[in-house]
Every structure is written in structure tokens, then in C-alpha cells.
Amino acid sequence: MLEQSSILRSNPTEEYPSFEVHLLGRRISCMTVDAVIKSVHRSCMERDKVTIANYNVHSFNLSMQLPWFYNFLQESEFAICDSVGILKAIRYMGLDVPSAYRASFTLLMPKLLEHCNANKLSLFLLGTKPEILALALQNVRQRYPNIRLAGHHGYFGDSREIVKKINASGTQVLMVGMGMPRQERWILENRAALEVNAILPGGAAIDRLAGIVPDCPNFLSNLGMEWFYRLCQEPKRLSARYLLGNPAFALQIALARVSSHPSERLEIQPISVLQKS
């Protein structure tokens, strides 16, 4: 295994300090759920702007196919690990990274909402069908009454009007749930004009808030079988993504390990901005 003590012990006050690994040239932010929430909070308090993208097997594959998507992930302030598959690939390459560094949206979303509610932060939900969005907004308002909440469905023409609406709402945290890679394209094209503090591509997060898409049971998620659960829920839409995409990803990682020197498989760097108090 790669030497990791200097990274994982770089800040004795943190059990799991944040750091980056470069896997096949992809910069992945190894952050716990709590660290992600802290970065969102800090950006809101400092009136900064961060984009928190995510790496799972599907987005990794897309980054190999779409140059603009690769650039989006590389240019985002953080690209968190959203998949057991990514964690396993990092381990296979030689770094025994703990499971705590898997910051999936299944784990992140409830804690983020709780944090926004406790700190009276504002949230804008962008995406999905109008009736599903309305249900999601209703559910969030009932459960998290202190969040200043707004939203707009994902069926619109002129993005400039949507950006104006988001900015006029004074929102701090923007969740874009349009599906991958459409949501990333929209963020890439509109990020500069958005007057928000944190932008997160959320996939089916809004549908989950509406109760339309059920969350994967924890025991399956912890086993790395969330993809199988989702495939069973939506076989027609997700068959190609998982039945072709997962083996393709595994093959890329296996070939990279065979063809590279151990010192070239992973590059590890601390994320200094997250070590601030």
C-alpha cells in the first residue's frame, strides 16, 4: 500500500483530514460528509462560490468520453467521491482509503438539509418535473421549516431567466437535479452568472425529496450495491449505464494498474483550504 500516514495524520484534530487523489488523471476530493458540509457553510459565511461535483463510476466514464465534462470536474473546487466503486478503485491502486470518504448524496442530502435548517441557510432546487418539484418543496418545508426555500422545474428554455430568478431569490445553496451530464453542462454554462455560494449537481436528489425515487437501503449501499438497487428500480433507463459502464470502468482500472509503475498510479495531495478552522 502507498504511504498515507502523512496525509491521514496531517491534522491531529481531524480523524479524517481531507485530501485529493489523482486517479488516471482525474482529481478526486476525498472528503467526509461532514467536511463537505463544512465547505458549504464556510463558502456561505465568506460569500465565496464553490462547485461541489461528484465522482461515481458513471461520471468517471463520462469524463473519459466527453472533454468538456472532464474539464468541468477538474475545474470544480471539489469533486467528491460518491461511489463505493471509486473507493475500491483507489484501494486497488494502492491507497487503503477508509469508507468514511464516501460522500454519497444518499448520506449527504439529509445532513445538508439539517445543517441548512439549523443555520437558516437558503436553498434553491432546480430540476425535475413541475409536479415533482412542488411535492419536493412541500416536503422540505414541512420537515425543515427554517430553510429559506425556492425552486424551479427543469423544463425551461431561456437559462438567463432562470439565473435571474435564482439570483433574485438571494439563495446561498443551489441544488441542480437534471440528471448527468445535463446538470453539469448547465452549471458549466451558467456558473459565472450565478450569485450563489455553493452549487451541487444533485442527480435524482429532488425526486428523492419528493418521495418519487426511494433511497437505497443502507445495508445494500454499504456493500457497494446501490447500483444494483437502482438498476432494479429503473432497468430500462439504467441498463446500459451499469451493465456496460461498470465493466468498462473496472477494465480501465485493471489495465492502468498493470501498465503503470506503483508510484504513478495515484498522486496524493492535501486540500489545504479544508484544514482551516
C-alpha atoms as a PDB file:
ATOM      1  CA  MET A   1       0.000   0.000   0.000  1.00  0.00           C
ATOM      2  CA  LEU A   2       1.041   3.587  -0.604  1.00  0.00           C
ATOM      3  CA  GLU A   3       2.365   5.556   2.321  1.00  0.00           C
ATOM      4  CA  GLN A   4      -0.612   7.516   3.602  1.00  0.00           C
ATOM      5  CA  SER A   5       0.193   8.349   7.227  1.00  0.00           C
ATOM      6  CA  SER A   6       1.463  11.844   6.368  1.00  0.00           C
ATOM      7  CA  ILE A   7      -1.893  12.695   4.795  1.00  0.00           C
ATOM      8  CA  LEU A   8      -4.269  10.970   7.193  1.00  0.00           C
ATOM      9  CA  ARG A   9      -2.348  12.297  10.197  1.00  0.00           C
ATOM     10  CA  SER A  10      -1.610  15.752   8.779  1.00  0.00           C
ATOM     11  CA  ASN A  11      -4.130  17.370  11.125  1.00  0.00           C
ATOM     12  CA  PRO A  12      -4.328  15.642  14.516  1.00  0.00           C
ATOM     13  CA  THR A  13      -7.586  17.457  15.323  1.00  0.00           C
ATOM     14  CA  GLU A  14      -9.338  15.716  12.419  1.00  0.00           C
ATOM     15  CA  GLU A  15      -9.968  11.987  12.355  1.00  0.00           C
ATOM     16  CA  TYR A  16     -10.347  12.085   8.569  1.00  0.00           C
ATOM     17  CA  PRO A  17      -8.492  15.074   7.070  1.00  0.00           C
ATOM     18  CA  SER A  18      -9.458  15.966   3.522  1.00  0.00           C
ATOM     19  CA  PHE A  19      -7.076  15.245   0.669  1.00  0.00           C
ATOM     20  CA  GLU A  20      -7.039  14.715  -3.079  1.00  0.00           C
ATOM     21  CA  VAL A  21      -6.018  11.737  -5.154  1.00  0.00           C
ATOM     22  CA  HIS A  22      -5.390  11.766  -8.884  1.00  0.00           C
ATOM     23  CA  LEU A  23      -6.765   8.551 -10.363  1.00  0.00           C
ATOM     24  CA  LEU A  24      -5.991   8.119 -14.075  1.00  0.00           C
ATOM     25  CA  GLY A  25      -5.547  11.881 -14.251  1.00  0.00           C
ATOM     26  CA  ARG A  26      -8.854  12.580 -12.505  1.00  0.00           C
ATOM     27  CA  ARG A  27      -8.694  14.782  -9.394  1.00  0.00           C
ATOM     28  CA  ILE A  28     -10.899  13.257  -6.704  1.00  0.00           C
ATOM     29  CA  SER A  29     -11.553  15.067  -3.414  1.00  0.00           C
ATOM     30  CA  CYS A  30     -11.512  12.591  -0.540  1.00  0.00           C
ATOM     31  CA  MET A  31     -13.810  14.299   1.955  1.00  0.00           C
ATOM     32  CA  THR A  32     -16.205  13.028   4.583  1.00  0.00           C
ATOM     33  CA  VAL A  33     -19.832  14.132   4.551  1.00  0.00           C
ATOM     34  CA  ASP A  34     -19.108  16.467   7.469  1.00  0.00           C
ATOM     35  CA  ALA A  35     -16.183  18.026   5.590  1.00  0.00           C
ATOM     36  CA  VAL A  36     -18.384  18.672   2.556  1.00  0.00           C
ATOM     37  CA  ILE A  37     -20.982  20.385   4.736  1.00  0.00           C
ATOM     38  CA  LYS A  38     -18.272  22.470   6.404  1.00  0.00           C
ATOM     39  CA  SER A  39     -17.053  23.612   2.990  1.00  0.00           C
ATOM     40  CA  VAL A  40     -20.603  24.633   2.038  1.00  0.00           C
ATOM     41  CA  HIS A  41     -21.042  26.513   5.314  1.00  0.00           C
ATOM     42  CA  ARG A  42     -17.691  28.267   5.009  1.00  0.00           C
ATOM     43  CA  SER A  43     -18.484  29.383   1.475  1.00  0.00           C
ATOM     44  CA  CYS A  44     -21.838  30.783   2.609  1.00  0.00           C
ATOM     45  CA  MET A  45     -20.300  32.644   5.547  1.00  0.00           C
ATOM     46  CA  GLU A  46     -17.434  34.036   3.482  1.00  0.00           C
ATOM     47  CA  ARG A  47     -19.695  34.790   0.492  1.00  0.00           C
ATOM     48  CA  ASP A  48     -17.474  32.739  -1.726  1.00  0.00           C
ATOM     49  CA  LYS A  49     -18.589  30.399  -4.513  1.00  0.00           C
ATOM     50  CA  VAL A  50     -17.758  26.700  -4.708  1.00  0.00           C
ATOM     51  CA  THR A  51     -18.922  23.968  -7.042  1.00  0.00           C
ATOM     52  CA  ILE A  52     -19.058  20.538  -5.431  1.00  0.00           C
ATOM     53  CA  ALA A  53     -19.077  17.987  -8.245  1.00  0.00           C
ATOM     54  CA  ASN A  54     -19.030  14.259  -7.687  1.00  0.00           C
ATOM     55  CA  TYR A  55     -17.229  11.192  -8.974  1.00  0.00           C
ATOM     56  CA  ASN A  56     -19.040   7.901  -9.317  1.00  0.00           C
ATOM     57  CA  VAL A  57     -18.429   5.194 -11.902  1.00  0.00           C
ATOM     58  CA  HIS A  58     -20.808   6.837 -14.380  1.00  0.00           C
ATOM     59  CA  SER A  59     -19.250  10.293 -14.113  1.00  0.00           C
ATOM     60  CA  PHE A  60     -15.769   8.763 -14.322  1.00  0.00           C
ATOM     61  CA  ASN A  61     -16.750   7.046 -17.563  1.00  0.00           C
ATOM     62  CA  LEU A  62     -18.285  10.254 -18.902  1.00  0.00           C
ATOM     63  CA  SER A  63     -15.062  12.110 -18.120  1.00  0.00           C
ATOM     64  CA  MET A  64     -13.287   9.650 -20.410  1.00  0.00           C
ATOM     65  CA  GLN A  65     -15.774  10.261 -23.230  1.00  0.00           C
ATOM     66  CA  LEU A  66     -16.582  13.987 -23.007  1.00  0.00           C
ATOM     67  CA  PRO A  67     -13.710  16.504 -22.821  1.00  0.00           C
ATOM     68  CA  TRP A  68     -15.984  19.279 -21.541  1.00  0.00           C
ATOM     69  CA  PHE A  69     -17.224  17.004 -18.739  1.00  0.00           C
ATOM     70  CA  TYR A  70     -13.658  16.174 -17.741  1.00  0.00           C
ATOM     71  CA  ASN A  71     -12.878  19.898 -17.640  1.00  0.00           C
ATOM     72  CA  PHE A  72     -15.953  20.573 -15.502  1.00  0.00           C
ATOM     73  CA  LEU A  73     -14.851  18.028 -12.917  1.00  0.00           C
ATOM     74  CA  GLN A  74     -11.245  19.220 -12.930  1.00  0.00           C
ATOM     75  CA  GLU A  75     -12.236  22.879 -12.594  1.00  0.00           C
ATOM     76  CA  SER A  76     -14.774  22.381  -9.801  1.00  0.00           C
ATOM     77  CA  GLU A  77     -13.449  23.366  -6.398  1.00  0.00           C
ATOM     78  CA  PHE A  78     -14.231  19.877  -5.137  1.00  0.00           C
ATOM     79  CA  ALA A  79     -15.063  16.602  -6.899  1.00  0.00           C
ATOM     80  CA  ILE A  80     -16.114  14.321  -4.069  1.00  0.00           C
ATOM     81  CA  CYS A  81     -16.220  10.527  -4.037  1.00  0.00           C
ATOM     82  CA  ASP A  82     -19.855   9.477  -4.492  1.00  0.00           C
ATOM     83  CA  SER A  83     -19.349   5.774  -5.038  1.00  0.00           C
ATOM     84  CA  VAL A  84     -18.062   2.608  -3.416  1.00  0.00           C
ATOM     85  CA  GLY A  85     -16.738   1.729  -6.872  1.00  0.00           C
ATOM     86  CA  ILE A  86     -14.434   4.755  -6.865  1.00  0.00           C
ATOM     87  CA  LEU A  87     -13.232   3.928  -3.346  1.00  0.00           C
ATOM     88  CA  LYS A  88     -12.484   0.367  -4.427  1.00  0.00           C
ATOM     89  CA  ALA A  89     -10.543   1.635  -7.440  1.00  0.00           C
ATOM     90  CA  ILE A  90      -8.429   3.878  -5.218  1.00  0.00           C
ATOM     91  CA  ARG A  91      -7.761   0.944  -2.892  1.00  0.00           C
ATOM     92  CA  TYR A  92      -6.930  -1.309  -5.838  1.00  0.00           C
ATOM     93  CA  MET A  93      -4.351   1.242  -6.931  1.00  0.00           C
ATOM     94  CA  GLY A  94      -2.680   1.045  -3.537  1.00  0.00           C
ATOM     95  CA  LEU A  95      -4.243   3.533  -1.105  1.00  0.00           C
ATOM     96  CA  ASP A  96      -6.271   1.986   1.721  1.00  0.00           C
ATOM     97  CA  VAL A  97      -8.747   4.861   1.965  1.00  0.00           C
ATOM     98  CA  PRO A  98     -11.427   4.495   4.686  1.00  0.00           C
ATOM     99  CA  SER A  99     -15.107   4.157   3.794  1.00  0.00           C
ATOM    100  CA  ALA A 100     -15.770   7.450   5.604  1.00  0.00           C
ATOM    101  CA  TYR A 101     -14.521   9.214   2.475  1.00  0.00           C
ATOM    102  CA  ARG A 102     -17.551   8.087   0.508  1.00  0.00           C
ATOM    103  CA  ALA A 103     -19.746  11.198   0.492  1.00  0.00           C
ATOM    104  CA  SER A 104     -22.711   9.893  -1.484  1.00  0.00           C
ATOM    105  CA  PHE A 105     -25.823  12.026  -1.890  1.00  0.00           C
ATOM    106  CA  THR A 106     -27.798   9.384  -0.013  1.00  0.00           C
ATOM    107  CA  LEU A 107     -25.671  10.245   3.024  1.00  0.00           C
ATOM    108  CA  LEU A 108     -25.033  13.908   2.244  1.00  0.00           C
ATOM    109  CA  MET A 109     -28.507  15.224   1.470  1.00  0.00           C
ATOM    110  CA  PRO A 110     -30.182  14.651   4.870  1.00  0.00           C
ATOM    111  CA  LYS A 111     -27.246  16.146   6.765  1.00  0.00           C
ATOM    112  CA  LEU A 112     -27.039  19.105   4.401  1.00  0.00           C
ATOM    113  CA  LEU A 113     -30.735  19.851   4.879  1.00  0.00           C
ATOM    114  CA  GLU A 114     -30.377  19.556   8.647  1.00  0.00           C
ATOM    115  CA  HIS A 115     -27.433  21.964   8.559  1.00  0.00           C
ATOM    116  CA  CYS A 116     -29.273  24.469   6.375  1.00  0.00           C
ATOM    117  CA  ASN A 117     -32.257  24.261   8.708  1.00  0.00           C
ATOM    118  CA  ALA A 118     -30.177  24.727  11.872  1.00  0.00           C
ATOM    119  CA  ASN A 119     -28.305  27.701  10.391  1.00  0.00           C
ATOM    120  CA  LYS A 120     -31.229  29.222   8.459  1.00  0.00           C
ATOM    121  CA  LEU A 121     -29.431  28.967   5.137  1.00  0.00           C
ATOM    122  CA  SER A 122     -31.299  29.387   1.857  1.00  0.00           C
ATOM    123  CA  LEU A 123     -31.692  26.633  -0.728  1.00  0.00           C
ATOM    124  CA  PHE A 124     -32.852  26.630  -4.344  1.00  0.00           C
ATOM    125  CA  LEU A 125     -33.913  23.394  -6.045  1.00  0.00           C
ATOM    126  CA  LEU A 126     -33.603  23.410  -9.840  1.00  0.00           C
ATOM    127  CA  GLY A 127     -34.794  20.483 -11.904  1.00  0.00           C
ATOM    128  CA  THR A 128     -37.305  17.640 -12.412  1.00  0.00           C
ATOM    129  CA  LYS A 129     -40.973  17.926 -13.495  1.00  0.00           C
ATOM    130  CA  PRO A 130     -43.160  20.759 -12.142  1.00  0.00           C
ATOM    131  CA  GLU A 131     -45.429  18.480 -10.120  1.00  0.00           C
ATOM    132  CA  ILE A 132     -42.499  16.566  -8.618  1.00  0.00           C
ATOM    133  CA  LEU A 133     -40.709  19.797  -7.719  1.00  0.00           C
ATOM    134  CA  ALA A 134     -43.851  21.081  -5.989  1.00  0.00           C
ATOM    135  CA  LEU A 135     -44.012  17.920  -3.899  1.00  0.00           C
ATOM    136  CA  ALA A 136     -40.310  18.137  -3.028  1.00  0.00           C
ATOM    137  CA  LEU A 137     -40.665  21.769  -1.939  1.00  0.00           C
ATOM    138  CA  GLN A 138     -43.680  20.872   0.172  1.00  0.00           C
ATOM    139  CA  ASN A 139     -41.858  18.015   1.892  1.00  0.00           C
ATOM    140  CA  VAL A 140     -38.757  20.094   2.612  1.00  0.00           C
ATOM    141  CA  ARG A 141     -40.808  22.984   4.010  1.00  0.00           C
ATOM    142  CA  GLN A 142     -42.679  20.663   6.333  1.00  0.00           C
ATOM    143  CA  ARG A 143     -39.601  18.910   7.659  1.00  0.00           C
ATOM    144  CA  TYR A 144     -37.105  21.791   7.590  1.00  0.00           C
ATOM    145  CA  PRO A 145     -39.135  24.957   8.264  1.00  0.00           C
ATOM    146  CA  ASN A 146     -36.122  27.217   8.881  1.00  0.00           C
ATOM    147  CA  ILE A 147     -34.691  26.774   5.382  1.00  0.00           C
ATOM    148  CA  ARG A 148     -35.427  29.714   3.095  1.00  0.00           C
ATOM    149  CA  LEU A 149     -36.557  27.640   0.145  1.00  0.00           C
ATOM    150  CA  ALA A 150     -37.268  28.327  -3.518  1.00  0.00           C
ATOM    151  CA  GLY A 151     -37.172  26.347  -6.732  1.00  0.00           C
ATOM    152  CA  HIS A 152     -37.931  25.953 -10.425  1.00  0.00           C
ATOM    153  CA  HIS A 153     -38.609  22.892 -12.535  1.00  0.00           C
ATOM    154  CA  GLY A 154     -36.177  21.657 -15.172  1.00  0.00           C
ATOM    155  CA  TYR A 155     -38.372  22.319 -18.208  1.00  0.00           C
ATOM    156  CA  PHE A 156     -37.372  25.781 -19.363  1.00  0.00           C
ATOM    157  CA  GLY A 157     -35.998  27.454 -22.450  1.00  0.00           C
ATOM    158  CA  ASP A 158     -34.013  30.562 -21.580  1.00  0.00           C
ATOM    159  CA  SER A 159     -31.433  29.890 -18.889  1.00  0.00           C
ATOM    160  CA  ARG A 160     -30.868  33.609 -18.426  1.00  0.00           C
ATOM    161  CA  GLU A 161     -34.331  33.998 -16.919  1.00  0.00           C
ATOM    162  CA  ILE A 162     -33.701  31.098 -14.565  1.00  0.00           C
ATOM    163  CA  VAL A 163     -30.393  32.612 -13.465  1.00  0.00           C
ATOM    164  CA  LYS A 164     -32.177  35.913 -12.793  1.00  0.00           C
ATOM    165  CA  LYS A 165     -34.770  34.103 -10.672  1.00  0.00           C
ATOM    166  CA  ILE A 166     -32.098  32.271  -8.691  1.00  0.00           C
ATOM    167  CA  ASN A 167     -30.130  35.456  -8.081  1.00  0.00           C
ATOM    168  CA  ALA A 168     -33.262  37.409  -7.135  1.00  0.00           C
ATOM    169  CA  SER A 169     -34.127  34.783  -4.530  1.00  0.00           C
ATOM    170  CA  GLY A 170     -30.891  35.515  -2.679  1.00  0.00           C
ATOM    171  CA  THR A 171     -30.214  31.814  -2.329  1.00  0.00           C
ATOM    172  CA  GLN A 172     -26.956  30.548  -0.889  1.00  0.00           C
ATOM    173  CA  VAL A 173     -27.047  26.857  -1.845  1.00  0.00           C
ATOM    174  CA  LEU A 174     -28.147  25.752  -5.323  1.00  0.00           C
ATOM    175  CA  MET A 175     -29.021  22.121  -5.999  1.00  0.00           C
ATOM    176  CA  VAL A 176     -29.273  21.273  -9.716  1.00  0.00           C
ATOM    177  CA  GLY A 177     -31.078  17.994 -10.315  1.00  0.00           C
ATOM    178  CA  MET A 178     -31.368  17.470 -14.061  1.00  0.00           C
ATOM    179  CA  GLY A 179     -29.535  14.195 -14.443  1.00  0.00           C
ATOM    180  CA  MET A 180     -25.979  13.636 -15.590  1.00  0.00           C
ATOM    181  CA  PRO A 181     -24.491  15.142 -17.748  1.00  0.00           C
ATOM    182  CA  ARG A 182     -27.198  17.751 -18.473  1.00  0.00           C
ATOM    183  CA  GLN A 183     -26.928  19.297 -14.999  1.00  0.00           C
ATOM    184  CA  GLU A 184     -23.148  19.630 -15.273  1.00  0.00           C
ATOM    185  CA  ARG A 185     -23.465  21.275 -18.693  1.00  0.00           C
ATOM    186  CA  TRP A 186     -25.968  23.770 -17.290  1.00  0.00           C
ATOM    187  CA  ILE A 187     -23.743  24.591 -14.320  1.00  0.00           C
ATOM    188  CA  LEU A 188     -20.703  24.961 -16.580  1.00  0.00           C
ATOM    189  CA  GLU A 189     -22.523  27.385 -18.874  1.00  0.00           C
ATOM    190  CA  ASN A 190     -24.142  29.470 -16.116  1.00  0.00           C
ATOM    191  CA  ARG A 191     -21.816  29.298 -13.131  1.00  0.00           C
ATOM    192  CA  ALA A 192     -20.171  32.663 -13.745  1.00  0.00           C
ATOM    193  CA  ALA A 193     -23.524  34.477 -13.732  1.00  0.00           C
ATOM    194  CA  LEU A 194     -24.881  32.748 -10.621  1.00  0.00           C
ATOM    195  CA  GLU A 195     -24.761  34.793  -7.410  1.00  0.00           C
ATOM    196  CA  VAL A 196     -24.805  31.832  -5.045  1.00  0.00           C
ATOM    197  CA  ASN A 197     -22.278  30.394  -2.608  1.00  0.00           C
ATOM    198  CA  ALA A 198     -22.445  26.651  -3.250  1.00  0.00           C
ATOM    199  CA  ILE A 199     -23.521  24.728  -6.353  1.00  0.00           C
ATOM    200  CA  LEU A 200     -24.161  20.999  -6.216  1.00  0.00           C
ATOM    201  CA  PRO A 201     -25.234  18.763  -9.107  1.00  0.00           C
ATOM    202  CA  GLY A 202     -27.773  16.505  -7.438  1.00  0.00           C
ATOM    203  CA  GLY A 203     -28.961  13.940  -9.977  1.00  0.00           C
ATOM    204  CA  ALA A 204     -32.197  12.447  -8.667  1.00  0.00           C
ATOM    205  CA  ALA A 205     -31.948  14.275  -5.319  1.00  0.00           C
ATOM    206  CA  ILE A 206     -35.091  16.345  -5.937  1.00  0.00           C
ATOM    207  CA  ASP A 207     -37.055  13.257  -6.953  1.00  0.00           C
ATOM    208  CA  ARG A 208     -35.916  11.625  -3.723  1.00  0.00           C
ATOM    209  CA  LEU A 209     -37.039  14.618  -1.694  1.00  0.00           C
ATOM    210  CA  ALA A 210     -40.426  14.271  -3.361  1.00  0.00           C
ATOM    211  CA  GLY A 211     -40.555  10.596  -2.434  1.00  0.00           C
ATOM    212  CA  ILE A 212     -40.723   9.545  -6.100  1.00  0.00           C
ATOM    213  CA  VAL A 213     -37.354   7.766  -6.102  1.00  0.00           C
ATOM    214  CA  PRO A 214     -36.729   5.694  -2.942  1.00  0.00           C
ATOM    215  CA  ASP A 215     -33.361   5.762  -1.216  1.00  0.00           C
ATOM    216  CA  CYS A 216     -31.263   2.638  -1.374  1.00  0.00           C
ATOM    217  CA  PRO A 217     -31.306   0.644   1.903  1.00  0.00           C
ATOM    218  CA  ASN A 218     -28.170   1.303   3.934  1.00  0.00           C
ATOM    219  CA  PHE A 219     -27.039  -2.313   4.032  1.00  0.00           C
ATOM    220  CA  LEU A 220     -27.007  -2.500   0.215  1.00  0.00           C
ATOM    221  CA  SER A 221     -25.350   0.892  -0.088  1.00  0.00           C
ATOM    222  CA  ASN A 222     -22.604  -0.107   2.356  1.00  0.00           C
ATOM    223  CA  LEU A 223     -21.954  -3.244   0.311  1.00  0.00           C
ATOM    224  CA  GLY A 224     -21.467  -1.169  -2.828  1.00  0.00           C
ATOM    225  CA  MET A 225     -24.702  -2.481  -4.341  1.00  0.00           C
ATOM    226  CA  GLU A 226     -26.587   0.794  -4.729  1.00  0.00           C
ATOM    227  CA  TRP A 227     -26.126   0.493  -8.491  1.00  0.00           C
ATOM    228  CA  PHE A 228     -27.924  -2.877  -8.430  1.00  0.00           C
ATOM    229  CA  TYR A 229     -30.783  -1.455  -6.381  1.00  0.00           C
ATOM    230  CA  ARG A 230     -31.191   1.432  -8.798  1.00  0.00           C
ATOM    231  CA  LEU A 231     -30.966  -0.920 -11.778  1.00  0.00           C
ATOM    232  CA  CYS A 232     -33.828  -2.974 -10.342  1.00  0.00           C
ATOM    233  CA  GLN A 233     -35.856   0.212  -9.884  1.00  0.00           C
ATOM    234  CA  GLU A 234     -35.254   1.550 -13.418  1.00  0.00           C
ATOM    235  CA  PRO A 235     -33.913  -1.291 -15.612  1.00  0.00           C
ATOM    236  CA  LYS A 236     -34.827   0.273 -18.951  1.00  0.00           C
ATOM    237  CA  ARG A 237     -33.099   3.588 -18.281  1.00  0.00           C
ATOM    238  CA  LEU A 238     -30.082   2.323 -16.363  1.00  0.00           C
ATOM    239  CA  SER A 239     -29.174  -0.999 -18.016  1.00  0.00           C
ATOM    240  CA  ALA A 240     -26.540   0.436 -20.341  1.00  0.00           C
ATOM    241  CA  ARG A 241     -25.073   2.659 -17.629  1.00  0.00           C
ATOM    242  CA  TYR A 242     -24.454  -0.182 -15.215  1.00  0.00           C
ATOM    243  CA  LEU A 243     -24.241  -3.400 -17.234  1.00  0.00           C
ATOM    244  CA  LEU A 244     -21.842  -1.853 -19.752  1.00  0.00           C
ATOM    245  CA  GLY A 245     -20.407   1.045 -17.772  1.00  0.00           C
ATOM    246  CA  ASN A 246     -19.336  -0.840 -14.650  1.00  0.00           C
ATOM    247  CA  PRO A 247     -17.273  -3.499 -16.507  1.00  0.00           C
ATOM    248  CA  ALA A 248     -15.743  -0.789 -18.718  1.00  0.00           C
ATOM    249  CA  PHE A 249     -14.650   1.139 -15.627  1.00  0.00           C
ATOM    250  CA  ALA A 250     -13.222  -1.976 -13.971  1.00  0.00           C
ATOM    251  CA  LEU A 251     -11.264  -2.796 -17.129  1.00  0.00           C
ATOM    252  CA  GLN A 252      -9.778   0.720 -17.287  1.00  0.00           C
ATOM    253  CA  ILE A 253      -8.600   0.484 -13.695  1.00  0.00           C
ATOM    254  CA  ALA A 254      -7.178  -3.016 -14.137  1.00  0.00           C
ATOM    255  CA  LEU A 255      -5.261  -2.040 -17.273  1.00  0.00           C
ATOM    256  CA  ALA A 256      -3.918   1.085 -15.583  1.00  0.00           C
ATOM    257  CA  ARG A 257      -2.598  -0.931 -12.663  1.00  0.00           C
ATOM    258  CA  VAL A 258      -0.907  -3.476 -14.915  1.00  0.00           C
ATOM    259  CA  SER A 259       0.652  -0.902 -17.224  1.00  0.00           C
ATOM    260  CA  SER A 260       1.882   1.671 -14.703  1.00  0.00           C
ATOM    261  CA  HIS A 261       4.577   1.835 -12.052  1.00  0.00           C
ATOM    262  CA  PRO A 262       3.206   1.869  -8.463  1.00  0.00           C
ATOM    263  CA  SER A 263       4.473   5.428  -7.953  1.00  0.00           C
ATOM    264  CA  GLU A 264       2.480   6.599 -10.987  1.00  0.00           C
ATOM    265  CA  ARG A 265      -0.895   5.061 -10.141  1.00  0.00           C
ATOM    266  CA  LEU A 266      -2.021   7.640  -7.603  1.00  0.00           C
ATOM    267  CA  GLU A 267      -0.892  11.118  -6.673  1.00  0.00           C
ATOM    268  CA  ILE A 268      -1.956  12.237  -3.196  1.00  0.00           C
ATOM    269  CA  GLN A 269      -2.203  15.863  -2.057  1.00  0.00           C
ATOM    270  CA  PRO A 270      -3.728  17.579   0.987  1.00  0.00           C
ATOM    271  CA  ILE A 271      -6.574  20.041   0.464  1.00  0.00           C
ATOM    272  CA  SER A 272      -5.172  22.916   2.475  1.00  0.00           C
ATOM    273  CA  VAL A 273      -8.285  25.099   2.303  1.00  0.00           C
ATOM    274  CA  LEU A 274     -10.199  22.489   4.298  1.00  0.00           C
ATOM    275  CA  GLN A 275      -7.687  22.383   7.098  1.00  0.00           C
ATOM    276  CA  LYS A 276      -8.621  25.899   8.234  1.00  0.00           C
ATOM    277  CA  SER A 277     -10.522  26.180  11.470  1.00  0.00           C
END
